[in-house]
Amino acid sequence: MNRIETKFRELQNNNKKAFMPYICAGDPT
């Protein structure tokens, strides 16, 4: 969950709304 946590922090800083659908969809990569 290292990448997800990193992305989560990045998205949280950039746009909180962008983090919600990302987690809902899981890790697309």
PDB file of N, CA and C in Angstrom:
ATOM      1  N   MET A   1       0.843  -1.212   0.000  1.00  0.00           N
ATOM      2  CA  MET A   1       0.000   0.000   0.000  1.00  0.00           C
ATOM      3  C   MET A   1       0.870   1.250   0.000  1.00  0.00           C
ATOM      4  N   ASN A   2       2.125   1.071  -0.399  1.00  0.00           N
ATOM      5  CA  ASN A   2       3.025   2.214  -0.416  1.00  0.00           C
ATOM      6  C   ASN A   2       2.652   3.180  -1.539  1.00  0.00           C
ATOM      7  N   ARG A   3       2.436   2.616  -2.743  1.00  0.00           N
ATOM      8  CA  ARG A   3       2.093   3.476  -3.883  1.00  0.00           C
ATOM      9  C   ARG A   3       0.760   4.159  -3.657  1.00  0.00           C
ATOM     10  N   ILE A   4      -0.210   3.404  -3.138  1.00  0.00           N
ATOM     11  CA  ILE A   4      -1.538   3.985  -2.920  1.00  0.00           C
ATOM     12  C   ILE A   4      -1.453   5.111  -1.895  1.00  0.00           C
ATOM     13  N   GLU A   5      -0.675   4.889  -0.856  1.00  0.00           N
ATOM     14  CA  GLU A   5      -0.536   5.936   0.165  1.00  0.00           C
ATOM     15  C   GLU A   5       0.117   7.177  -0.427  1.00  0.00           C
ATOM     16  N   THR A   6       1.131   6.951  -1.249  1.00  0.00           N
ATOM     17  CA  THR A   6       1.806   8.087  -1.883  1.00  0.00           C
ATOM     18  C   THR A   6       0.844   8.838  -2.794  1.00  0.00           C
ATOM     19  N   LYS A   7       0.108   8.086  -3.618  1.00  0.00           N
ATOM     20  CA  LYS A   7      -0.862   8.712  -4.524  1.00  0.00           C
ATOM     21  C   LYS A   7      -1.928   9.428  -3.716  1.00  0.00           C
ATOM     22  N   PHE A   8      -2.354   8.791  -2.631  1.00  0.00           N
ATOM     23  CA  PHE A   8      -3.386   9.383  -1.786  1.00  0.00           C
ATOM     24  C   PHE A   8      -2.938  10.745  -1.272  1.00  0.00           C
ATOM     25  N   ARG A   9      -1.698  10.813  -0.834  1.00  0.00           N
ATOM     26  CA  ARG A   9      -1.175  12.090  -0.299  1.00  0.00           C
ATOM     27  C   ARG A   9      -1.055  13.108  -1.435  1.00  0.00           C
ATOM     28  N   GLU A  10      -0.595  12.655  -2.590  1.00  0.00           N
ATOM     29  CA  GLU A  10      -0.454  13.573  -3.732  1.00  0.00           C
ATOM     30  C   GLU A  10      -1.813  14.119  -4.146  1.00  0.00           C
ATOM     31  N   LEU A  11      -2.779  13.208  -4.274  1.00  0.00           N
ATOM     32  CA  LEU A  11      -4.108  13.631  -4.690  1.00  0.00           C
ATOM     33  C   LEU A  11      -4.751  14.498  -3.619  1.00  0.00           C
ATOM     34  N   GLN A  12      -4.500  14.174  -2.369  1.00  0.00           N
ATOM     35  CA  GLN A  12      -5.087  14.959  -1.285  1.00  0.00           C
ATOM     36  C   GLN A  12      -4.564  16.390  -1.350  1.00  0.00           C
ATOM     37  N   ASN A  13      -3.307  16.532  -1.728  1.00  0.00           N
ATOM     38  CA  ASN A  13      -2.725  17.864  -1.838  1.00  0.00           C
ATOM     39  C   ASN A  13      -3.228  18.564  -3.097  1.00  0.00           C
ATOM     40  N   ASN A  14      -3.356  17.809  -4.177  1.00  0.00           N
ATOM     41  CA  ASN A  14      -3.799  18.404  -5.444  1.00  0.00           C
ATOM     42  C   ASN A  14      -5.309  18.605  -5.449  1.00  0.00           C
ATOM     43  N   ASN A  15      -6.034  17.520  -5.201  1.00  0.00           N
ATOM     44  CA  ASN A  15      -7.494  17.606  -5.245  1.00  0.00           C
ATOM     45  C   ASN A  15      -8.082  16.460  -4.449  1.00  0.00           C
ATOM     46  N   LYS A  16      -8.756  16.780  -3.360  1.00  0.00           N
ATOM     47  CA  LYS A  16      -9.343  15.734  -2.520  1.00  0.00           C
ATOM     48  C   LYS A  16     -10.385  14.943  -3.302  1.00  0.00           C
ATOM     49  N   LYS A  17     -11.100  15.612  -4.186  1.00  0.00           N
ATOM     50  CA  LYS A  17     -12.146  14.933  -4.961  1.00  0.00           C
ATOM     51  C   LYS A  17     -11.543  13.895  -5.899  1.00  0.00           C
ATOM     52  N   ALA A  18     -10.322  14.096  -6.318  1.00  0.00           N
ATOM     53  CA  ALA A  18      -9.688  13.167  -7.254  1.00  0.00           C
ATOM     54  C   ALA A  18      -9.281  11.887  -6.537  1.00  0.00           C
ATOM     55  N   PHE A  19      -9.116  11.970  -5.227  1.00  0.00           N
ATOM     56  CA  PHE A  19      -8.681  10.801  -4.454  1.00  0.00           C
ATOM     57  C   PHE A  19      -9.835   9.838  -4.220  1.00  0.00           C
ATOM     58  N   MET A  20     -11.044  10.351  -4.098  1.00  0.00           N
ATOM     59  CA  MET A  20     -12.201   9.487  -3.816  1.00  0.00           C
ATOM     60  C   MET A  20     -12.415   8.438  -4.903  1.00  0.00           C
ATOM     61  N   PRO A  21     -12.598   8.832  -6.161  1.00  0.00           N
ATOM     62  CA  PRO A  21     -12.822   7.841  -7.228  1.00  0.00           C
ATOM     63  C   PRO A  21     -11.624   6.933  -7.431  1.00  0.00           C
ATOM     64  N   TYR A  22     -10.444   7.417  -7.113  1.00  0.00           N
ATOM     65  CA  TYR A  22      -9.233   6.606  -7.276  1.00  0.00           C
ATOM     66  C   TYR A  22      -9.272   5.427  -6.319  1.00  0.00           C
ATOM     67  N   ILE A  23      -9.628   5.680  -5.076  1.00  0.00           N
ATOM     68  CA  ILE A  23      -9.703   4.606  -4.084  1.00  0.00           C
ATOM     69  C   ILE A  23     -10.887   3.689  -4.403  1.00  0.00           C
ATOM     70  N   CYS A  24     -12.000   4.268  -4.829  1.00  0.00           N
ATOM     71  CA  CYS A  24     -13.190   3.461  -5.147  1.00  0.00           C
ATOM     72  C   CYS A  24     -12.871   2.484  -6.276  1.00  0.00           C
ATOM     73  N   ALA A  25     -12.121   2.949  -7.253  1.00  0.00           N
ATOM     74  CA  ALA A  25     -11.779   2.095  -8.393  1.00  0.00           C
ATOM     75  C   ALA A  25     -10.607   1.186  -8.051  1.00  0.00           C
ATOM     76  N   GLY A  26      -9.937   1.474  -6.949  1.00  0.00           N
ATOM     77  CA  GLY A  26      -8.779   0.673  -6.581  1.00  0.00           C
ATOM     78  C   GLY A  26      -7.542   1.155  -7.318  1.00  0.00           C
ATOM     79  N   ASP A  27      -6.567   0.291  -7.451  1.00  0.00           N
ATOM     80  CA  ASP A  27      -5.340   0.668  -8.153  1.00  0.00           C
ATOM     81  C   ASP A  27      -5.464   0.300  -9.625  1.00  0.00           C
ATOM     82  N   PRO A  28      -5.667   1.274 -10.510  1.00  0.00           N
ATOM     83  CA  PRO A  28      -5.862   0.988 -11.936  1.00  0.00           C
ATOM     84  C   PRO A  28      -4.627   0.397 -12.600  1.00  0.00           C
ATOM     85  N   THR A  29      -3.462   0.650 -12.030  1.00  0.00           N
ATOM     86  CA  THR A  29      -2.237   0.152 -12.657  1.00  0.00           C
ATOM     87  C   THR A  29      -2.077  -1.324 -12.378  1.00  0.00           C
TER      88      THR A  29
END
